[in-house]
Each structure stands twice: as structure tokens, then as C-alpha cells.
N, C-alpha and C. Protein backbone atom coordinates (compact mmCIF):
# COMPACT_ATOMS: atom_id res chain seq x y z
N MET A 1 0.82 16.70 -3.45
CA MET A 1 0.94 15.17 -2.57
C MET A 1 0.42 14.52 -1.57
N LYS A 2 -0.99 14.14 -1.78
CA LYS A 2 -1.80 14.41 -0.50
C LYS A 2 -1.42 13.61 0.99
N GLU A 3 -1.60 13.56 1.98
CA GLU A 3 -0.96 13.07 3.42
C GLU A 3 -2.03 12.85 4.05
N CYS A 4 -1.94 12.07 4.79
CA CYS A 4 -3.15 11.55 6.18
C CYS A 4 -3.05 12.33 7.24
N ALA A 5 -3.94 12.90 7.74
CA ALA A 5 -3.92 13.54 8.79
C ALA A 5 -3.27 13.02 9.84
N LEU A 6 -2.26 13.72 10.80
CA LEU A 6 -1.40 13.24 11.86
C LEU A 6 -2.14 12.03 12.57
N ALA A 7 -3.35 12.53 13.15
CA ALA A 7 -3.99 11.43 13.44
C ALA A 7 -5.04 9.84 13.40
N HIS A 8 -4.39 9.83 12.21
CA HIS A 8 -5.03 8.88 11.33
C HIS A 8 -4.54 8.25 10.61
N ALA A 9 -4.60 6.59 10.75
CA ALA A 9 -3.66 5.40 9.87
C ALA A 9 -3.75 5.40 8.60
N GLY A 10 -2.61 5.06 8.04
CA GLY A 10 -2.35 4.76 6.78
C GLY A 10 -2.02 3.70 6.56
N LEU A 11 -1.34 3.62 5.29
CA LEU A 11 -1.35 2.43 4.59
C LEU A 11 0.00 2.42 3.43
N ARG A 12 1.07 2.63 3.40
CA ARG A 12 1.86 3.18 2.34
C ARG A 12 2.72 1.45 2.20
N VAL A 13 3.13 1.06 0.89
CA VAL A 13 3.56 0.15 -0.05
C VAL A 13 4.44 0.30 -0.88
N TRP A 14 5.76 -0.31 -0.54
CA TRP A 14 6.80 -0.71 -1.68
C TRP A 14 6.45 -1.73 -2.69
N PHE A 15 6.85 -1.72 -3.76
CA PHE A 15 6.63 -2.43 -4.51
C PHE A 15 8.26 -2.84 -4.61
N ARG A 16 8.24 -4.16 -5.50
CA ARG A 16 9.57 -4.50 -5.43
C ARG A 16 9.99 -4.42 -7.10
N LYS A 17 11.34 -4.49 -7.81
CA LYS A 17 11.89 -3.78 -8.64
C LYS A 17 10.85 -4.98 -9.70
N GLY A 18 10.16 -4.27 -10.81
CA GLY A 18 9.50 -5.63 -11.80
C GLY A 18 8.21 -5.86 -11.03
N SER A 19 7.93 -5.21 -10.15
CA SER A 19 6.36 -5.51 -9.95
C SER A 19 5.47 -4.26 -9.65
N GLU A 20 6.25 -2.96 -10.45
CA GLU A 20 5.28 -1.77 -9.81
C GLU A 20 3.91 -2.08 -10.73
N PRO A 21 3.21 -1.29 -10.10
CA PRO A 21 1.59 -0.64 -10.61
C PRO A 21 1.76 -0.13 -12.09
N SER A 22 1.09 -0.27 -13.28
CA SER A 22 1.08 0.73 -13.92
C SER A 22 0.86 1.75 -13.71
N ARG A 23 0.95 2.97 -14.88
CA ARG A 23 0.51 4.14 -14.07
C ARG A 23 -1.03 4.40 -14.77
N ALA A 24 -1.80 3.53 -15.47
CA ALA A 24 -3.04 3.51 -15.34
C ALA A 24 -3.76 3.42 -13.92
N TRP A 25 -3.28 1.95 -13.31
CA TRP A 25 -3.74 1.85 -11.98
C TRP A 25 -3.89 2.51 -11.44
N LEU A 26 -2.46 3.26 -10.56
CA LEU A 26 -2.36 4.50 -9.93
C LEU A 26 -3.19 5.64 -10.24
N THR A 27 -3.26 5.85 -11.97
CA THR A 27 -4.60 6.85 -12.11
C THR A 27 -5.49 6.83 -11.76
N LYS A 28 -6.20 5.40 -11.81
CA LYS A 28 -6.84 4.80 -11.67
C LYS A 28 -7.95 4.99 -10.45
N HIS A 29 -6.88 4.75 -9.48
CA HIS A 29 -7.01 4.89 -7.96
C HIS A 29 -6.78 5.78 -7.30
N ASN A 30 -6.21 7.17 -7.68
CA ASN A 30 -5.60 8.67 -7.44
C ASN A 30 -4.57 8.00 -6.33
N ILE A 31 -3.61 7.23 -6.66
CA ILE A 31 -2.35 6.53 -5.78
C ILE A 31 -1.05 7.30 -6.65
N GLU A 32 -0.71 8.49 -5.69
CA GLU A 32 0.55 9.44 -6.04
C GLU A 32 1.95 8.62 -5.80
N GLU A 33 3.43 8.63 -6.36
CA GLU A 33 4.36 8.11 -5.54
C GLU A 33 4.64 8.91 -4.17
N GLN A 34 5.03 8.74 -2.75
CA GLN A 34 5.55 9.83 -2.37
C GLN A 34 7.32 9.68 -2.24
N ASN A 35 7.75 10.78 -1.78
CA ASN A 35 9.05 11.05 -1.45
C ASN A 35 9.71 10.43 -1.42
N ASP A 36 9.77 9.30 -0.11
CA ASP A 36 10.24 8.51 -0.11
C ASP A 36 10.16 6.78 -1.07
N GLY A 37 9.80 6.60 -2.03
CA GLY A 37 9.66 5.66 -2.88
C GLY A 37 8.30 5.30 -2.60
N SER A 38 7.42 5.23 -1.42
CA SER A 38 6.25 4.28 -1.07
C SER A 38 5.25 4.94 -1.70
N PHE A 39 4.11 4.49 -1.81
CA PHE A 39 2.55 4.69 -2.43
C PHE A 39 1.45 4.39 -1.49
N ARG A 40 1.15 5.72 -1.26
CA ARG A 40 0.12 5.57 0.27
C ARG A 40 -1.13 4.85 -0.79
N VAL A 41 -1.79 4.05 0.03
CA VAL A 41 -2.77 3.64 -0.79
C VAL A 41 -4.16 3.05 -0.18
N TYR A 42 -3.89 3.47 1.48
CA TYR A 42 -5.10 3.65 2.10
C TYR A 42 -4.83 5.04 3.03
N CYS A 43 -5.88 5.60 3.89
CA CYS A 43 -5.58 6.65 4.77
C CYS A 43 -6.95 6.51 5.06
N ALA A 44 -7.50 6.44 6.39
CA ALA A 44 -8.45 6.00 7.37
C ALA A 44 -9.35 7.61 7.46
N ASP A 45 -8.09 8.91 7.13
CA ASP A 45 -9.19 10.08 7.27
C ASP A 45 -10.33 10.24 6.24
N HIS A 46 -10.53 9.61 5.07
CA HIS A 46 -11.05 9.54 3.88
C HIS A 46 -11.62 8.45 3.09
N VAL A 47 -12.11 8.29 2.52
CA VAL A 47 -12.90 7.37 1.50
C VAL A 47 -11.02 7.00 1.09
N PRO A 48 -11.12 5.51 1.10
CA PRO A 48 -9.44 5.04 0.65
C PRO A 48 -9.69 5.08 -0.55
N PHE A 49 -8.37 5.27 -1.58
CA PHE A 49 -7.94 5.00 -2.70
C PHE A 49 -8.47 3.22 -3.23
N VAL A 50 -8.12 2.39 -2.49
CA VAL A 50 -7.98 1.38 -2.94
C VAL A 50 -8.86 0.82 -1.80
N PRO A 51 -9.95 0.28 -1.50
CA PRO A 51 -11.15 -0.35 -0.93
C PRO A 51 -10.24 -1.49 -0.31
N ALA A 52 -10.47 -1.72 1.60
CA ALA A 52 -9.19 -2.25 2.40
C ALA A 52 -9.45 -3.63 2.16
N GLU A 53 -10.76 -4.28 1.84
CA GLU A 53 -10.87 -5.58 1.55
C GLU A 53 -9.97 -6.14 0.19
N TYR A 54 -9.85 -5.22 -0.71
CA TYR A 54 -8.61 -5.88 -1.86
C TYR A 54 -7.23 -6.07 -1.24
N LEU A 55 -6.71 -5.05 -0.11
CA LEU A 55 -5.86 -5.09 0.30
C LEU A 55 -5.42 -6.46 1.00
N HIS A 56 -6.34 -6.37 1.80
CA HIS A 56 -6.22 -8.09 2.84
C HIS A 56 -6.18 -9.22 1.46
N ASP A 57 -7.06 -8.97 0.48
CA ASP A 57 -6.70 -10.31 -0.45
C ASP A 57 -5.46 -9.85 -0.98
N ALA A 58 -5.14 -8.89 -1.27
CA ALA A 58 -3.68 -9.08 -1.90
C ALA A 58 -2.80 -9.60 -1.00
N PHE A 59 -2.70 -9.34 0.11
CA PHE A 59 -1.58 -9.50 1.24
C PHE A 59 -1.33 -11.30 1.29
N ARG A 60 -2.98 -11.83 1.52
CA ARG A 60 -3.11 -12.94 1.78
C ARG A 60 -2.55 -13.93 0.45
N THR A 61 -2.69 -13.34 -1.05
CA THR A 61 -2.53 -13.55 -2.13
C THR A 61 -0.96 -13.48 -2.35
N PHE A 62 -0.63 -12.57 -2.09
CA PHE A 62 1.39 -12.41 -2.85
C PHE A 62 2.14 -12.32 -0.83
N ALA A 63 1.69 -12.50 -0.14
CA ALA A 63 2.85 -13.17 0.57
C ALA A 63 2.10 -14.01 1.78
N GLY A 64 1.55 -14.65 1.09
CA GLY A 64 1.23 -15.96 2.04
C GLY A 64 1.41 -16.15 3.27
N PRO A 65 2.16 -17.04 3.93
CA PRO A 65 1.91 -17.18 5.17
C PRO A 65 2.85 -16.48 5.81
N LEU A 66 3.81 -15.28 5.43
CA LEU A 66 4.11 -14.11 5.74
C LEU A 66 3.20 -13.55 6.42
N TYR A 67 2.27 -13.37 5.90
CA TYR A 67 1.19 -12.43 6.71
C TYR A 67 0.76 -12.69 7.68
N ASP A 68 0.43 -13.98 7.93
CA ASP A 68 -0.27 -14.33 9.13
C ASP A 68 0.79 -14.71 10.33
N ASP A 69 2.32 -14.41 9.74
CA ASP A 69 3.44 -14.19 10.95
C ASP A 69 3.76 -12.79 11.18
N PRO A 70 3.21 -11.85 12.31
CA PRO A 70 3.44 -10.15 12.73
C PRO A 70 4.87 -10.88 13.14
N ASP A 71 5.36 -11.61 13.30
CA ASP A 71 6.96 -11.59 13.81
C ASP A 71 8.03 -11.47 12.69
N HIS A 72 7.48 -11.54 11.76
CA HIS A 72 8.17 -11.80 10.38
C HIS A 72 8.42 -10.15 9.28
N ALA A 73 9.49 -9.64 9.46
CA ALA A 73 9.77 -8.44 9.07
C ALA A 73 10.44 -8.59 7.89
N PRO A 74 10.86 -9.18 7.12
CA PRO A 74 11.93 -9.37 6.05
C PRO A 74 12.19 -7.74 5.40
N ASP A 75 13.54 -7.58 5.47
CA ASP A 75 14.19 -6.44 4.76
C ASP A 75 14.03 -5.82 3.18
N PRO A 76 13.96 -4.83 3.19
CA PRO A 76 13.33 -4.80 1.83
C PRO A 76 14.29 -4.77 0.67
N VAL A 77 14.26 -4.83 -0.11
CA VAL A 77 15.51 -5.22 -1.24
C VAL A 77 15.69 -3.42 -1.96
């Protein structure tokens, strides 16, 4: 399992049941499930698995107005 160096930022995501990515997508982007059930999709200490602009666009698409409110943090389901 790959880990980000402690001095670098990373981004982990959790997918809701039924919205998980396919095995093919995970393999294509070299993303592995972590021990806590998250998926590390970005790590600043090396070339990102998924380009950051894709993440930005996806957050806007799927989180909509919640993405613009930094104080809104829904409980995980």
C-alpha cells in the first residue's frame, strides 16, 4: 500500500455504497483501497494518480453548492 510522505499533502476519499469506482478505473489510475476503507486519489509528493483538475471538476459536479461552503461537513454514511 502506497503512502504519502508525512511532509506532503494528500487527498483520500470515501465512496458511498453503490457509487464505488470500478476495479478497471482503480487499476487504470493505480489507486488502492486503504486500510480504513478510503482511496488515496492524490498525493503531493509525486505525480498524482488522478490529475487535480479532474478532482476539482468532480467536486463541483457531485457536491454542487456544498463544495462552496467550507463549514459544511456532512457525517459519513
